[in-house]
Amino acid sequence: MSRNPVQSKKPKATSPQPAAQGKPGDDAIIDQAHVLYGSDAATAVAYCGLDAWFEGEEVEFRRFAQLFRRLMN
């Protein structure tokens, strides 16, 4: 603990965090979807997105929507 009670106004350096703090990256999810579902990977990701939407998880829904768009291209 520092003996100086006045904190510096200089921003503290932070180390870069892994993708979503331990969550797999988008490329890994897409690769696994292809391995598990083959040509139906986009459909599986769409269902995951719908599930997130109905659960009210907007952030997760947007992530699956982004993955779905990548799979469709």
C-alpha atoms as a PDB file:
ATOM      1  CA  MET A   1       0.000   0.000   0.000  1.00  0.00           C
ATOM      2  CA  SER A   2       1.273   3.422  -0.861  1.00  0.00           C
ATOM      3  CA  ARG A   3       2.079   5.866   1.893  1.00  0.00           C
ATOM      4  CA  ASN A   4       1.028   8.782  -0.253  1.00  0.00           C
ATOM      5  CA  PRO A   5      -2.702   9.395   0.346  1.00  0.00           C
ATOM      6  CA  VAL A   6      -2.969  11.548  -2.797  1.00  0.00           C
ATOM      7  CA  GLN A   7      -3.474   9.482  -5.888  1.00  0.00           C
ATOM      8  CA  SER A   8      -1.836  10.432  -9.130  1.00  0.00           C
ATOM      9  CA  LYS A   9      -4.077  11.761 -11.879  1.00  0.00           C
ATOM     10  CA  LYS A  10      -2.049   9.793 -14.390  1.00  0.00           C
ATOM     11  CA  PRO A  11      -4.121   6.873 -15.713  1.00  0.00           C
ATOM     12  CA  LYS A  12      -2.931   3.494 -14.551  1.00  0.00           C
ATOM     13  CA  ALA A  13      -1.586   1.146 -17.189  1.00  0.00           C
ATOM     14  CA  THR A  14      -3.735  -1.895 -17.755  1.00  0.00           C
ATOM     15  CA  SER A  15      -2.784  -5.125 -19.381  1.00  0.00           C
ATOM     16  CA  PRO A  16      -4.785  -6.173 -22.421  1.00  0.00           C
ATOM     17  CA  GLN A  17      -7.601  -8.543 -21.564  1.00  0.00           C
ATOM     18  CA  PRO A  18      -8.290 -11.733 -23.504  1.00  0.00           C
ATOM     19  CA  ALA A  19     -11.348 -11.760 -25.742  1.00  0.00           C
ATOM     20  CA  ALA A  20     -14.367 -11.106 -23.526  1.00  0.00           C
ATOM     21  CA  GLN A  21     -12.489 -12.150 -20.364  1.00  0.00           C
ATOM     22  CA  GLY A  22     -12.202 -15.884 -20.876  1.00  0.00           C
ATOM     23  CA  LYS A  23     -14.964 -16.293 -23.417  1.00  0.00           C
ATOM     24  CA  PRO A  24     -13.952 -17.858 -26.722  1.00  0.00           C
ATOM     25  CA  GLY A  25     -13.318 -15.522 -29.615  1.00  0.00           C
ATOM     26  CA  ASP A  26     -15.646 -15.223 -32.578  1.00  0.00           C
ATOM     27  CA  ASP A  27     -13.358 -17.238 -34.854  1.00  0.00           C
ATOM     28  CA  ALA A  28     -13.282 -20.107 -32.360  1.00  0.00           C
ATOM     29  CA  ILE A  29     -17.077 -20.100 -32.093  1.00  0.00           C
ATOM     30  CA  ILE A  30     -17.458 -20.147 -35.867  1.00  0.00           C
ATOM     31  CA  ASP A  31     -14.936 -22.980 -36.202  1.00  0.00           C
ATOM     32  CA  GLN A  32     -16.715 -25.033 -33.539  1.00  0.00           C
ATOM     33  CA  ALA A  33     -20.108 -24.368 -35.126  1.00  0.00           C
ATOM     34  CA  HIS A  34     -18.758 -25.692 -38.436  1.00  0.00           C
ATOM     35  CA  VAL A  35     -17.303 -28.761 -36.721  1.00  0.00           C
ATOM     36  CA  LEU A  36     -20.501 -29.536 -34.797  1.00  0.00           C
ATOM     37  CA  TYR A  37     -23.199 -28.562 -37.297  1.00  0.00           C
ATOM     38  CA  GLY A  38     -21.491 -28.583 -40.695  1.00  0.00           C
ATOM     39  CA  SER A  39     -23.542 -26.767 -43.305  1.00  0.00           C
ATOM     40  CA  ASP A  40     -26.208 -25.959 -40.673  1.00  0.00           C
ATOM     41  CA  ALA A  41     -23.802 -23.842 -38.588  1.00  0.00           C
ATOM     42  CA  ALA A  42     -25.558 -20.580 -39.496  1.00  0.00           C
ATOM     43  CA  THR A  43     -28.910 -22.027 -38.449  1.00  0.00           C
ATOM     44  CA  ALA A  44     -27.496 -23.200 -35.112  1.00  0.00           C
ATOM     45  CA  VAL A  45     -26.025 -19.753 -34.409  1.00  0.00           C
ATOM     46  CA  ALA A  46     -29.345 -18.150 -35.375  1.00  0.00           C
ATOM     47  CA  TYR A  47     -31.150 -20.351 -32.837  1.00  0.00           C
ATOM     48  CA  CYS A  48     -28.636 -19.348 -30.172  1.00  0.00           C
ATOM     49  CA  GLY A  49     -29.319 -15.718 -31.050  1.00  0.00           C
ATOM     50  CA  LEU A  50     -33.063 -16.220 -30.767  1.00  0.00           C
ATOM     51  CA  ASP A  51     -32.618 -17.904 -27.399  1.00  0.00           C
ATOM     52  CA  ALA A  52     -30.564 -14.938 -26.181  1.00  0.00           C
ATOM     53  CA  TRP A  53     -33.221 -12.530 -27.495  1.00  0.00           C
ATOM     54  CA  PHE A  54     -36.058 -14.304 -25.687  1.00  0.00           C
ATOM     55  CA  GLU A  55     -34.009 -14.391 -22.474  1.00  0.00           C
ATOM     56  CA  GLY A  56     -33.503 -10.619 -22.696  1.00  0.00           C
ATOM     57  CA  GLU A  57     -29.720 -10.874 -23.176  1.00  0.00           C
ATOM     58  CA  GLU A  58     -29.242  -8.058 -25.670  1.00  0.00           C
ATOM     59  CA  VAL A  59     -25.429  -8.114 -25.611  1.00  0.00           C
ATOM     60  CA  GLU A  60     -25.322 -11.852 -26.242  1.00  0.00           C
ATOM     61  CA  PHE A  61     -27.977 -11.502 -28.944  1.00  0.00           C
ATOM     62  CA  ARG A  62     -25.909  -8.887 -30.761  1.00  0.00           C
ATOM     63  CA  ARG A  63     -22.847 -11.126 -30.591  1.00  0.00           C
ATOM     64  CA  PHE A  64     -24.743 -14.046 -32.119  1.00  0.00           C
ATOM     65  CA  ALA A  65     -26.229 -11.753 -34.760  1.00  0.00           C
ATOM     66  CA  GLN A  66     -22.721 -10.663 -35.715  1.00  0.00           C
ATOM     67  CA  LEU A  67     -21.594 -14.292 -35.878  1.00  0.00           C
ATOM     68  CA  PHE A  68     -24.620 -15.162 -38.001  1.00  0.00           C
ATOM     69  CA  ARG A  69     -23.779 -12.380 -40.471  1.00  0.00           C
ATOM     70  CA  ARG A  70     -20.215 -13.672 -40.738  1.00  0.00           C
ATOM     71  CA  LEU A  71     -21.446 -17.213 -41.364  1.00  0.00           C
ATOM     72  CA  MET A  72     -23.821 -16.038 -44.075  1.00  0.00           C
ATOM     73  CA  ASN A  73     -21.081 -14.222 -46.019  1.00  0.00           C
END
